[in-house]
Amino acid sequence: LEPPRRKLEGPLVFYDPVDGNRNVASAVHVDTLARFV
């Protein structure tokens, strides 16, 4: 939603708009992501 501070990696990366160094979706497992999709 806001410019990230650095590139992060993960099954899903949703940059925290108040802290671009943090992935709000860091807990999301690839299986859970696939289930939601």
PDB file of all heavy atoms in Angstrom:
ATOM      1  N   LEU A   1       0.830  -1.205   0.000  1.00  0.00           N
ATOM      2  CA  LEU A   1       0.000   0.000   0.000  1.00  0.00           C
ATOM      3  C   LEU A   1       0.862   1.251   0.000  1.00  0.00           C
ATOM      4  O   LEU A   1       0.440   2.304  -0.458  1.00  0.00           O
ATOM      5  CB  LEU A   1      -0.918   0.007   1.230  1.00  0.00           C
ATOM      6  CG  LEU A   1      -2.150  -0.896   1.157  1.00  0.00           C
ATOM      7  CD1 LEU A   1      -2.670  -1.214   2.556  1.00  0.00           C
ATOM      8  CD2 LEU A   1      -3.252  -0.224   0.341  1.00  0.00           C
ATOM      9  N   GLU A   2       2.052   1.138   0.553  1.00  0.00           N
ATOM     10  CA  GLU A   2       3.021   2.232   0.592  1.00  0.00           C
ATOM     11  C   GLU A   2       4.355   1.686   0.080  1.00  0.00           C
ATOM     12  O   GLU A   2       4.583   0.473   0.110  1.00  0.00           O
ATOM     13  CB  GLU A   2       3.187   2.755   2.028  1.00  0.00           C
ATOM     14  CG  GLU A   2       1.886   3.144   2.719  1.00  0.00           C
ATOM     15  CD  GLU A   2       1.234   4.382   2.140  1.00  0.00           C
ATOM     16  OE1 GLU A   2       1.931   5.127   1.419  1.00  0.00           O
ATOM     17  OE2 GLU A   2       0.038   4.607   2.415  1.00  0.00           O
ATOM     18  N   PRO A   3       5.250   2.543  -0.402  1.00  0.00           N
ATOM     19  CA  PRO A   3       6.540   2.061  -0.913  1.00  0.00           C
ATOM     20  C   PRO A   3       7.310   1.282   0.157  1.00  0.00           C
ATOM     21  O   PRO A   3       7.514   1.798   1.259  1.00  0.00           O
ATOM     22  CB  PRO A   3       7.272   3.352  -1.291  1.00  0.00           C
ATOM     23  CG  PRO A   3       6.194   4.354  -1.509  1.00  0.00           C
ATOM     24  CD  PRO A   3       5.103   4.005  -0.547  1.00  0.00           C
ATOM     25  N   PRO A   4       7.725   0.045  -0.135  1.00  0.00           N
ATOM     26  CA  PRO A   4       8.510  -0.732   0.842  1.00  0.00           C
ATOM     27  C   PRO A   4       9.917  -0.180   0.978  1.00  0.00           C
ATOM     28  O   PRO A   4      10.428   0.496   0.079  1.00  0.00           O
ATOM     29  CB  PRO A   4       8.524  -2.141   0.242  1.00  0.00           C
ATOM     30  CG  PRO A   4       8.342  -1.932  -1.223  1.00  0.00           C
ATOM     31  CD  PRO A   4       7.463  -0.723  -1.366  1.00  0.00           C
ATOM     32  N   ARG A   5      10.561  -0.499   2.100  1.00  0.00           N
ATOM     33  CA  ARG A   5      11.924  -0.012   2.332  1.00  0.00           C
ATOM     34  C   ARG A   5      12.958  -0.940   1.722  1.00  0.00           C
ATOM     35  O   ARG A   5      14.041  -0.518   1.363  1.00  0.00           O
ATOM     36  CB  ARG A   5      12.166   0.132   3.841  1.00  0.00           C
ATOM     37  CG  ARG A   5      11.323   1.228   4.492  1.00  0.00           C
ATOM     38  CD  ARG A   5      11.591   1.318   5.981  1.00  0.00           C
ATOM     39  NE  ARG A   5      10.661   2.237   6.632  1.00  0.00           N
ATOM     40  CZ  ARG A   5      10.532   2.333   7.943  1.00  0.00           C
ATOM     41  NH1 ARG A   5      11.265   1.578   8.748  1.00  0.00           N
ATOM     42  NH2 ARG A   5       9.660   3.174   8.470  1.00  0.00           N
ATOM     43  N   ARG A   6      12.634  -2.232   1.655  1.00  0.00           N
ATOM     44  CA  ARG A   6      13.556  -3.208   1.069  1.00  0.00           C
ATOM     45  C   ARG A   6      12.760  -4.405   0.617  1.00  0.00           C
ATOM     46  O   ARG A   6      11.641  -4.641   1.082  1.00  0.00           O
ATOM     47  CB  ARG A   6      14.631  -3.629   2.074  1.00  0.00           C
ATOM     48  CG  ARG A   6      14.100  -4.332   3.317  1.00  0.00           C
ATOM     49  CD  ARG A   6      15.200  -4.547   4.336  1.00  0.00           C
ATOM     50  NE  ARG A   6      14.701  -5.159   5.566  1.00  0.00           N
ATOM     51  CZ  ARG A   6      14.676  -6.461   5.812  1.00  0.00           C
ATOM     52  NH1 ARG A   6      15.132  -7.311   4.891  1.00  0.00           N
ATOM     53  NH2 ARG A   6      14.237  -6.938   6.955  1.00  0.00           N
ATOM     54  N   LYS A   7      13.296  -5.173  -0.298  1.00  0.00           N
ATOM     55  CA  LYS A   7      12.601  -6.329  -0.838  1.00  0.00           C
ATOM     56  C   LYS A   7      12.645  -7.482   0.166  1.00  0.00           C
ATOM     57  O   LYS A   7      13.696  -7.828   0.695  1.00  0.00           O
ATOM     58  CB  LYS A   7      13.222  -6.772  -2.163  1.00  0.00           C
ATOM     59  CG  LYS A   7      12.473  -7.913  -2.846  1.00  0.00           C
ATOM     60  CD  LYS A   7      13.090  -8.209  -4.195  1.00  0.00           C
ATOM     61  CE  LYS A   7      12.440  -9.411  -4.868  1.00  0.00           C
ATOM     62  NZ  LYS A   7      11.002  -9.228  -5.083  1.00  0.00           N
ATOM     63  N   LEU A   8      11.479  -8.066   0.418  1.00  0.00           N
ATOM     64  CA  LEU A   8      11.360  -9.206   1.317  1.00  0.00           C
ATOM     65  C   LEU A   8      10.931 -10.431   0.524  1.00  0.00           C
ATOM     66  O   LEU A   8      10.422 -10.309  -0.598  1.00  0.00           O
ATOM     67  CB  LEU A   8      10.340  -8.911   2.424  1.00  0.00           C
ATOM     68  CG  LEU A   8      10.639  -7.676   3.288  1.00  0.00           C
ATOM     69  CD1 LEU A   8       9.489  -7.403   4.245  1.00  0.00           C
ATOM     70  CD2 LEU A   8      11.931  -7.862   4.067  1.00  0.00           C
ATOM     71  N   GLU A   9      11.107 -11.595   1.100  1.00  0.00           N
ATOM     72  CA  GLU A   9      10.752 -12.840   0.431  1.00  0.00           C
ATOM     73  C   GLU A   9       9.781 -13.645   1.284  1.00  0.00           C
ATOM     74  O   GLU A   9       9.812 -13.582   2.512  1.00  0.00           O
ATOM     75  CB  GLU A   9      12.010 -13.683   0.158  1.00  0.00           C
ATOM     76  CG  GLU A   9      13.074 -13.002  -0.699  1.00  0.00           C
ATOM     77  CD  GLU A   9      12.630 -12.776  -2.133  1.00  0.00           C
ATOM     78  OE1 GLU A   9      11.700 -13.489  -2.580  1.00  0.00           O
ATOM     79  OE2 GLU A   9      13.208 -11.902  -2.815  1.00  0.00           O
ATOM     80  N   GLY A  10       8.942 -14.442   0.625  1.00  0.00           N
ATOM     81  CA  GLY A  10       8.015 -15.318   1.328  1.00  0.00           C
ATOM     82  C   GLY A  10       6.965 -15.830   0.374  1.00  0.00           C
ATOM     83  O   GLY A  10       6.844 -15.335  -0.763  1.00  0.00           O
ATOM     84  N   PRO A  11       6.169 -16.835   0.786  1.00  0.00           N
ATOM     85  CA  PRO A  11       5.084 -17.316  -0.065  1.00  0.00           C
ATOM     86  C   PRO A  11       4.137 -16.182  -0.473  1.00  0.00           C
ATOM     87  O   PRO A  11       3.668 -16.117  -1.607  1.00  0.00           O
ATOM     88  CB  PRO A  11       4.371 -18.337   0.835  1.00  0.00           C
ATOM     89  CG  PRO A  11       5.430 -18.814   1.765  1.00  0.00           C
ATOM     90  CD  PRO A  11       6.286 -17.609   2.029  1.00  0.00           C
ATOM     91  N   LEU A  12       3.876 -15.267   0.491  1.00  0.00           N
ATOM     92  CA  LEU A  12       3.110 -14.049   0.227  1.00  0.00           C
ATOM     93  C   LEU A  12       3.784 -12.927   0.991  1.00  0.00           C
ATOM     94  O   LEU A  12       4.052 -13.052   2.181  1.00  0.00           O
ATOM     95  CB  LEU A  12       1.661 -14.204   0.694  1.00  0.00           C
ATOM     96  CG  LEU A  12       0.795 -12.929   0.625  1.00  0.00           C
ATOM     97  CD1 LEU A  12       0.589 -12.478  -0.823  1.00  0.00           C
ATOM     98  CD2 LEU A  12      -0.556 -13.157   1.309  1.00  0.00           C
ATOM     99  N   VAL A  13       4.067 -11.826   0.301  1.00  0.00           N
ATOM    100  CA  VAL A  13       4.642 -10.654   0.959  1.00  0.00           C
ATOM    101  C   VAL A  13       3.655  -9.506   0.844  1.00  0.00           C
ATOM    102  O   VAL A  13       3.302  -9.083  -0.260  1.00  0.00           O
ATOM    103  CB  VAL A  13       5.993 -10.249   0.336  1.00  0.00           C
ATOM    104  CG1 VAL A  13       6.508  -8.964   0.988  1.00  0.00           C
ATOM    105  CG2 VAL A  13       7.011 -11.370   0.489  1.00  0.00           C
ATOM    106  N   PHE A  14       3.167  -9.035   1.994  1.00  0.00           N
ATOM    107  CA  PHE A  14       2.324  -7.841   2.042  1.00  0.00           C
ATOM    108  C   PHE A  14       3.037  -6.871   2.973  1.00  0.00           C
ATOM    109  O   PHE A  14       3.068  -7.063   4.175  1.00  0.00           O
ATOM    110  CB  PHE A  14       0.925  -8.171   2.569  1.00  0.00           C
ATOM    111  CG  PHE A  14      -0.120  -7.153   2.172  1.00  0.00           C
ATOM    112  CD1 PHE A  14      -1.252  -7.534   1.466  1.00  0.00           C
ATOM    113  CD2 PHE A  14       0.023  -5.804   2.487  1.00  0.00           C
ATOM    114  CE1 PHE A  14      -2.207  -6.605   1.076  1.00  0.00           C
ATOM    115  CE2 PHE A  14      -0.919  -4.867   2.113  1.00  0.00           C
ATOM    116  CZ  PHE A  14      -2.040  -5.279   1.409  1.00  0.00           C
ATOM    117  N   TYR A  15       3.648  -5.856   2.380  1.00  0.00           N
ATOM    118  CA  TYR A  15       4.479  -4.932   3.149  1.00  0.00           C
ATOM    119  C   TYR A  15       3.628  -4.119   4.120  1.00  0.00           C
ATOM    120  O   TYR A  15       2.571  -3.594   3.758  1.00  0.00           O
ATOM    121  CB  TYR A  15       5.232  -3.993   2.202  1.00  0.00           C
ATOM    122  CG  TYR A  15       6.281  -4.695   1.380  1.00  0.00           C
ATOM    123  CD1 TYR A  15       5.980  -5.193   0.107  1.00  0.00           C
ATOM    124  CD2 TYR A  15       7.570  -4.888   1.874  1.00  0.00           C
ATOM    125  CE1 TYR A  15       6.938  -5.846  -0.653  1.00  0.00           C
ATOM    126  CE2 TYR A  15       8.542  -5.540   1.121  1.00  0.00           C
ATOM    127  CZ  TYR A  15       8.217  -6.020  -0.135  1.00  0.00           C
ATOM    128  OH  TYR A  15       9.164  -6.684  -0.881  1.00  0.00           O
ATOM    129  N   ASP A  16       4.105  -4.054   5.349  1.00  0.00           N
ATOM    130  CA  ASP A  16       3.423  -3.263   6.365  1.00  0.00           C
ATOM    131  C   ASP A  16       3.500  -1.787   5.970  1.00  0.00           C
ATOM    132  O   ASP A  16       4.597  -1.240   5.838  1.00  0.00           O
ATOM    133  CB  ASP A  16       4.096  -3.486   7.721  1.00  0.00           C
ATOM    134  CG  ASP A  16       3.278  -2.945   8.891  1.00  0.00           C
ATOM    135  OD1 ASP A  16       2.461  -2.025   8.668  1.00  0.00           O
ATOM    136  OD2 ASP A  16       3.467  -3.444  10.012  1.00  0.00           O
ATOM    137  N   PRO A  17       2.366  -1.112   5.782  1.00  0.00           N
ATOM    138  CA  PRO A  17       2.418   0.283   5.345  1.00  0.00           C
ATOM    139  C   PRO A  17       3.024   1.226   6.375  1.00  0.00           C
ATOM    140  O   PRO A  17       3.439   2.342   6.025  1.00  0.00           O
ATOM    141  CB  PRO A  17       0.943   0.631   5.082  1.00  0.00           C
ATOM    142  CG  PRO A  17       0.174  -0.348   5.898  1.00  0.00           C
ATOM    143  CD  PRO A  17       0.985  -1.605   5.898  1.00  0.00           C
ATOM    144  N   VAL A  18       3.097   0.809   7.633  1.00  0.00           N
ATOM    145  CA  VAL A  18       3.714   1.680   8.637  1.00  0.00           C
ATOM    146  C   VAL A  18       5.152   1.274   8.932  1.00  0.00           C
ATOM    147  O   VAL A  18       5.852   1.956   9.679  1.00  0.00           O
ATOM    148  CB  VAL A  18       2.894   1.702   9.954  1.00  0.00           C
ATOM    149  CG1 VAL A  18       1.452   2.058   9.680  1.00  0.00           C
ATOM    150  CG2 VAL A  18       3.010   0.390  10.710  1.00  0.00           C
ATOM    151  N   ASP A  19       5.612   0.168   8.348  1.00  0.00           N
ATOM    152  CA  ASP A  19       6.987  -0.295   8.542  1.00  0.00           C
ATOM    153  C   ASP A  19       7.379  -1.158   7.350  1.00  0.00           C
ATOM    154  O   ASP A  19       7.137  -2.364   7.336  1.00  0.00           O
ATOM    155  CB  ASP A  19       7.098  -1.095   9.843  1.00  0.00           C
ATOM    156  CG  ASP A  19       8.521  -1.558  10.142  1.00  0.00           C
ATOM    157  OD1 ASP A  19       9.414  -1.319   9.291  1.00  0.00           O
ATOM    158  OD2 ASP A  19       8.750  -2.160  11.196  1.00  0.00           O
ATOM    159  N   GLY A  20       7.976  -0.515   6.344  1.00  0.00           N
ATOM    160  CA  GLY A  20       8.291  -1.193   5.094  1.00  0.00           C
ATOM    161  C   GLY A  20       9.334  -2.282   5.196  1.00  0.00           C
ATOM    162  O   GLY A  20       9.637  -2.951   4.210  1.00  0.00           O
ATOM    163  N   ASN A  21       9.892  -2.494   6.403  1.00  0.00           N
ATOM    164  CA  ASN A  21      10.837  -3.592   6.620  1.00  0.00           C
ATOM    165  C   ASN A  21      10.141  -4.860   7.102  1.00  0.00           C
ATOM    166  O   ASN A  21      10.806  -5.854   7.388  1.00  0.00           O
ATOM    167  CB  ASN A  21      11.891  -3.186   7.664  1.00  0.00           C
ATOM    168  CG  ASN A  21      12.842  -2.137   7.123  1.00  0.00           C
ATOM    169  OD1 ASN A  21      13.321  -2.254   6.004  1.00  0.00           O
ATOM    170  ND2 ASN A  21      13.110  -1.114   7.917  1.00  0.00           N
ATOM    171  N   ARG A  22       8.816  -4.838   7.202  1.00  0.00           N
ATOM    172  CA  ARG A  22       8.086  -5.949   7.808  1.00  0.00           C
ATOM    173  C   ARG A  22       7.062  -6.519   6.836  1.00  0.00           C
ATOM    174  O   ARG A  22       6.357  -5.780   6.152  1.00  0.00           O
ATOM    175  CB  ARG A  22       7.369  -5.487   9.076  1.00  0.00           C
ATOM    176  CG  ARG A  22       6.477  -6.542   9.734  1.00  0.00           C
ATOM    177  CD  ARG A  22       5.916  -6.021  11.045  1.00  0.00           C
ATOM    178  NE  ARG A  22       5.055  -7.019  11.667  1.00  0.00           N
ATOM    179  CZ  ARG A  22       3.723  -7.007  11.584  1.00  0.00           C
ATOM    180  NH1 ARG A  22       3.109  -6.045  10.920  1.00  0.00           N
ATOM    181  NH2 ARG A  22       3.014  -7.955  12.171  1.00  0.00           N
ATOM    182  N   ASN A  23       6.985  -7.840   6.798  1.00  0.00           N
ATOM    183  CA  ASN A  23       5.990  -8.542   5.997  1.00  0.00           C
ATOM    184  C   ASN A  23       4.824  -8.936   6.891  1.00  0.00           C
ATOM    185  O   ASN A  23       4.952  -9.816   7.754  1.00  0.00           O
ATOM    186  CB  ASN A  23       6.616  -9.785   5.351  1.00  0.00           C
ATOM    187  CG  ASN A  23       5.603 -10.602   4.562  1.00  0.00           C
ATOM    188  OD1 ASN A  23       4.519 -10.115   4.229  1.00  0.00           O
ATOM    189  ND2 ASN A  23       5.951 -11.836   4.255  1.00  0.00           N
ATOM    190  N   VAL A  24       3.668  -8.310   6.707  1.00  0.00           N
ATOM    191  CA  VAL A  24       2.495  -8.612   7.523  1.00  0.00           C
ATOM    192  C   VAL A  24       2.031 -10.057   7.293  1.00  0.00           C
ATOM    193  O   VAL A  24       1.429 -10.671   8.164  1.00  0.00           O
ATOM    194  CB  VAL A  24       1.344  -7.632   7.199  1.00  0.00           C
ATOM    195  CG1 VAL A  24       0.128  -7.906   8.068  1.00  0.00           C
ATOM    196  CG2 VAL A  24       1.805  -6.191   7.386  1.00  0.00           C
ATOM    197  N   ALA A  25       2.354 -10.594   6.111  1.00  0.00           N
ATOM    198  CA  ALA A  25       1.916 -11.945   5.749  1.00  0.00           C
ATOM    199  C   ALA A  25       2.991 -12.997   6.011  1.00  0.00           C
ATOM    200  O   ALA A  25       2.934 -14.096   5.457  1.00  0.00           O
ATOM    201  CB  ALA A  25       1.514 -11.974   4.276  1.00  0.00           C
ATOM    202  N   SER A  26       3.945 -12.697   6.874  1.00  0.00           N
ATOM    203  CA  SER A  26       5.053 -13.637   7.093  1.00  0.00           C
ATOM    204  C   SER A  26       4.588 -14.971   7.661  1.00  0.00           C
ATOM    205  O   SER A  26       5.259 -15.993   7.485  1.00  0.00           O
ATOM    206  CB  SER A  26       6.092 -13.014   8.027  1.00  0.00           C
ATOM    207  OG  SER A  26       5.519 -12.704   9.293  1.00  0.00           O
ATOM    208  N   ALA A  27       3.438 -14.986   8.346  1.00  0.00           N
ATOM    209  CA  ALA A  27       2.939 -16.236   8.934  1.00  0.00           C
ATOM    210  C   ALA A  27       2.233 -17.122   7.912  1.00  0.00           C
ATOM    211  O   ALA A  27       2.016 -18.308   8.166  1.00  0.00           O
ATOM    212  CB  ALA A  27       1.980 -15.925  10.086  1.00  0.00           C
ATOM    213  N   VAL A  28       1.857 -16.557   6.759  1.00  0.00           N
ATOM    214  CA  VAL A  28       1.052 -17.304   5.785  1.00  0.00           C
ATOM    215  C   VAL A  28       1.881 -18.392   5.111  1.00  0.00           C
ATOM    216  O   VAL A  28       2.860 -18.108   4.411  1.00  0.00           O
ATOM    217  CB  VAL A  28       0.453 -16.360   4.724  1.00  0.00           C
ATOM    218  CG1 VAL A  28      -0.356 -17.160   3.696  1.00  0.00           C
ATOM    219  CG2 VAL A  28      -0.432 -15.295   5.379  1.00  0.00           C
ATOM    220  N   HIS A  29       1.493 -19.633   5.325  1.00  0.00           N
ATOM    221  CA  HIS A  29       2.171 -20.772   4.699  1.00  0.00           C
ATOM    222  C   HIS A  29       1.697 -20.912   3.253  1.00  0.00           C
ATOM    223  O   HIS A  29       0.578 -20.513   2.910  1.00  0.00           O
ATOM    224  CB  HIS A  29       1.858 -22.045   5.484  1.00  0.00           C
ATOM    225  CG  HIS A  29       2.651 -23.243   5.078  1.00  0.00           C
ATOM    226  ND1 HIS A  29       2.233 -24.102   4.088  1.00  0.00           N
ATOM    227  CD2 HIS A  29       3.841 -23.729   5.523  1.00  0.00           C
ATOM    228  CE1 HIS A  29       3.134 -25.068   3.948  1.00  0.00           C
ATOM    229  NE2 HIS A  29       4.118 -24.865   4.796  1.00  0.00           N
ATOM    230  N   VAL A  30       2.526 -21.479   2.410  1.00  0.00           N
ATOM    231  CA  VAL A  30       2.165 -21.633   1.000  1.00  0.00           C
ATOM    232  C   VAL A  30       0.898 -22.460   0.840  1.00  0.00           C
ATOM    233  O   VAL A  30       0.079 -22.200  -0.057  1.00  0.00           O
ATOM    234  CB  VAL A  30       3.345 -22.236   0.200  1.00  0.00           C
ATOM    235  CG1 VAL A  30       3.659 -23.661   0.669  1.00  0.00           C
ATOM    236  CG2 VAL A  30       3.058 -22.199  -1.294  1.00  0.00           C
ATOM    237  N   ASP A  31       0.668 -23.437   1.714  1.00  0.00           N
ATOM    238  CA  ASP A  31      -0.558 -24.239   1.641  1.00  0.00           C
ATOM    239  C   ASP A  31      -1.790 -23.404   1.969  1.00  0.00           C
ATOM    240  O   ASP A  31      -2.852 -23.566   1.351  1.00  0.00           O
ATOM    241  CB  ASP A  31      -0.483 -25.434   2.596  1.00  0.00           C
ATOM    242  CG  ASP A  31       0.571 -26.444   2.175  1.00  0.00           C
ATOM    243  OD1 ASP A  31       1.046 -26.361   1.021  1.00  0.00           O
ATOM    244  OD2 ASP A  31       0.929 -27.308   2.997  1.00  0.00           O
ATOM    245  N   THR A  32      -1.666 -22.521   2.971  1.00  0.00           N
ATOM    246  CA  THR A  32      -2.786 -21.660   3.336  1.00  0.00           C
ATOM    247  C   THR A  32      -3.071 -20.644   2.242  1.00  0.00           C
ATOM    248  O   THR A  32      -4.235 -20.335   1.948  1.00  0.00           O
ATOM    249  CB  THR A  32      -2.482 -20.931   4.655  1.00  0.00           C
ATOM    250  OG1 THR A  32      -1.896 -21.839   5.587  1.00  0.00           O
ATOM    251  CG2 THR A  32      -3.763 -20.363   5.260  1.00  0.00           C
ATOM    252  N   LEU A  33      -2.021 -20.130   1.640  1.00  0.00           N
ATOM    253  CA  LEU A  33      -2.180 -19.223   0.507  1.00  0.00           C
ATOM    254  C   LEU A  33      -2.929 -19.915  -0.621  1.00  0.00           C
ATOM    255  O   LEU A  33      -3.882 -19.359  -1.184  1.00  0.00           O
ATOM    256  CB  LEU A  33      -0.804 -18.745   0.024  1.00  0.00           C
ATOM    257  CG  LEU A  33      -0.777 -17.950  -1.282  1.00  0.00           C
ATOM    258  CD1 LEU A  33      -1.544 -16.650  -1.139  1.00  0.00           C
ATOM    259  CD2 LEU A  33       0.673 -17.675  -1.700  1.00  0.00           C
ATOM    260  N   ALA A  34      -2.522 -21.139  -0.951  1.00  0.00           N
ATOM    261  CA  ALA A  34      -3.175 -21.886  -2.031  1.00  0.00           C
ATOM    262  C   ALA A  34      -4.639 -22.151  -1.706  1.00  0.00           C
ATOM    263  O   ALA A  34      -5.509 -22.080  -2.583  1.00  0.00           O
ATOM    264  CB  ALA A  34      -2.441 -23.201  -2.270  1.00  0.00           C
ATOM    265  N   ARG A  35      -4.925 -22.450  -0.439  1.00  0.00           N
ATOM    266  CA  ARG A  35      -6.312 -22.707  -0.035  1.00  0.00           C
ATOM    267  C   ARG A  35      -7.179 -21.473  -0.233  1.00  0.00           C
ATOM    268  O   ARG A  35      -8.307 -21.554  -0.722  1.00  0.00           O
ATOM    269  CB  ARG A  35      -6.353 -23.151   1.433  1.00  0.00           C
ATOM    270  CG  ARG A  35      -7.740 -23.578   1.902  1.00  0.00           C
ATOM    271  CD  ARG A  35      -7.791 -23.784   3.403  1.00  0.00           C
ATOM    272  NE  ARG A  35      -6.638 -24.553   3.877  1.00  0.00           N
ATOM    273  CZ  ARG A  35      -6.199 -24.528   5.118  1.00  0.00           C
ATOM    274  NH1 ARG A  35      -6.794 -23.753   6.013  1.00  0.00           N
ATOM    275  NH2 ARG A  35      -5.162 -25.261   5.479  1.00  0.00           N
ATOM    276  N   PHE A  36      -6.628 -20.300   0.146  1.00  0.00           N
ATOM    277  CA  PHE A  36      -7.378 -19.065  -0.016  1.00  0.00           C
ATOM    278  C   PHE A  36      -7.622 -18.742  -1.485  1.00  0.00           C
ATOM    279  O   PHE A  36      -8.727 -18.356  -1.879  1.00  0.00           O
ATOM    280  CB  PHE A  36      -6.644 -17.909   0.668  1.00  0.00           C
ATOM    281  CG  PHE A  36      -7.236 -16.558   0.368  1.00  0.00           C
ATOM    282  CD1 PHE A  36      -8.556 -16.273   0.668  1.00  0.00           C
ATOM    283  CD2 PHE A  36      -6.473 -15.567  -0.242  1.00  0.00           C
ATOM    284  CE1 PHE A  36      -9.108 -15.027   0.384  1.00  0.00           C
ATOM    285  CE2 PHE A  36      -7.002 -14.325  -0.524  1.00  0.00           C
ATOM    286  CZ  PHE A  36      -8.330 -14.057  -0.214  1.00  0.00           C
ATOM    287  N   VAL A  37      -6.599 -18.906  -2.316  1.00  0.00           N
ATOM    288  CA  VAL A  37      -6.751 -18.630  -3.745  1.00  0.00           C
ATOM    289  C   VAL A  37      -7.803 -19.557  -4.357  1.00  0.00           C
ATOM    290  O   VAL A  37      -8.693 -19.113  -5.097  1.00  0.00           O
ATOM    291  CB  VAL A  37      -5.402 -18.790  -4.469  1.00  0.00           C
ATOM    292  CG1 VAL A  37      -5.593 -18.748  -5.986  1.00  0.00           C
ATOM    293  CG2 VAL A  37      -4.425 -17.690  -4.032  1.00  0.00           C
TER     294      VAL A  37
END
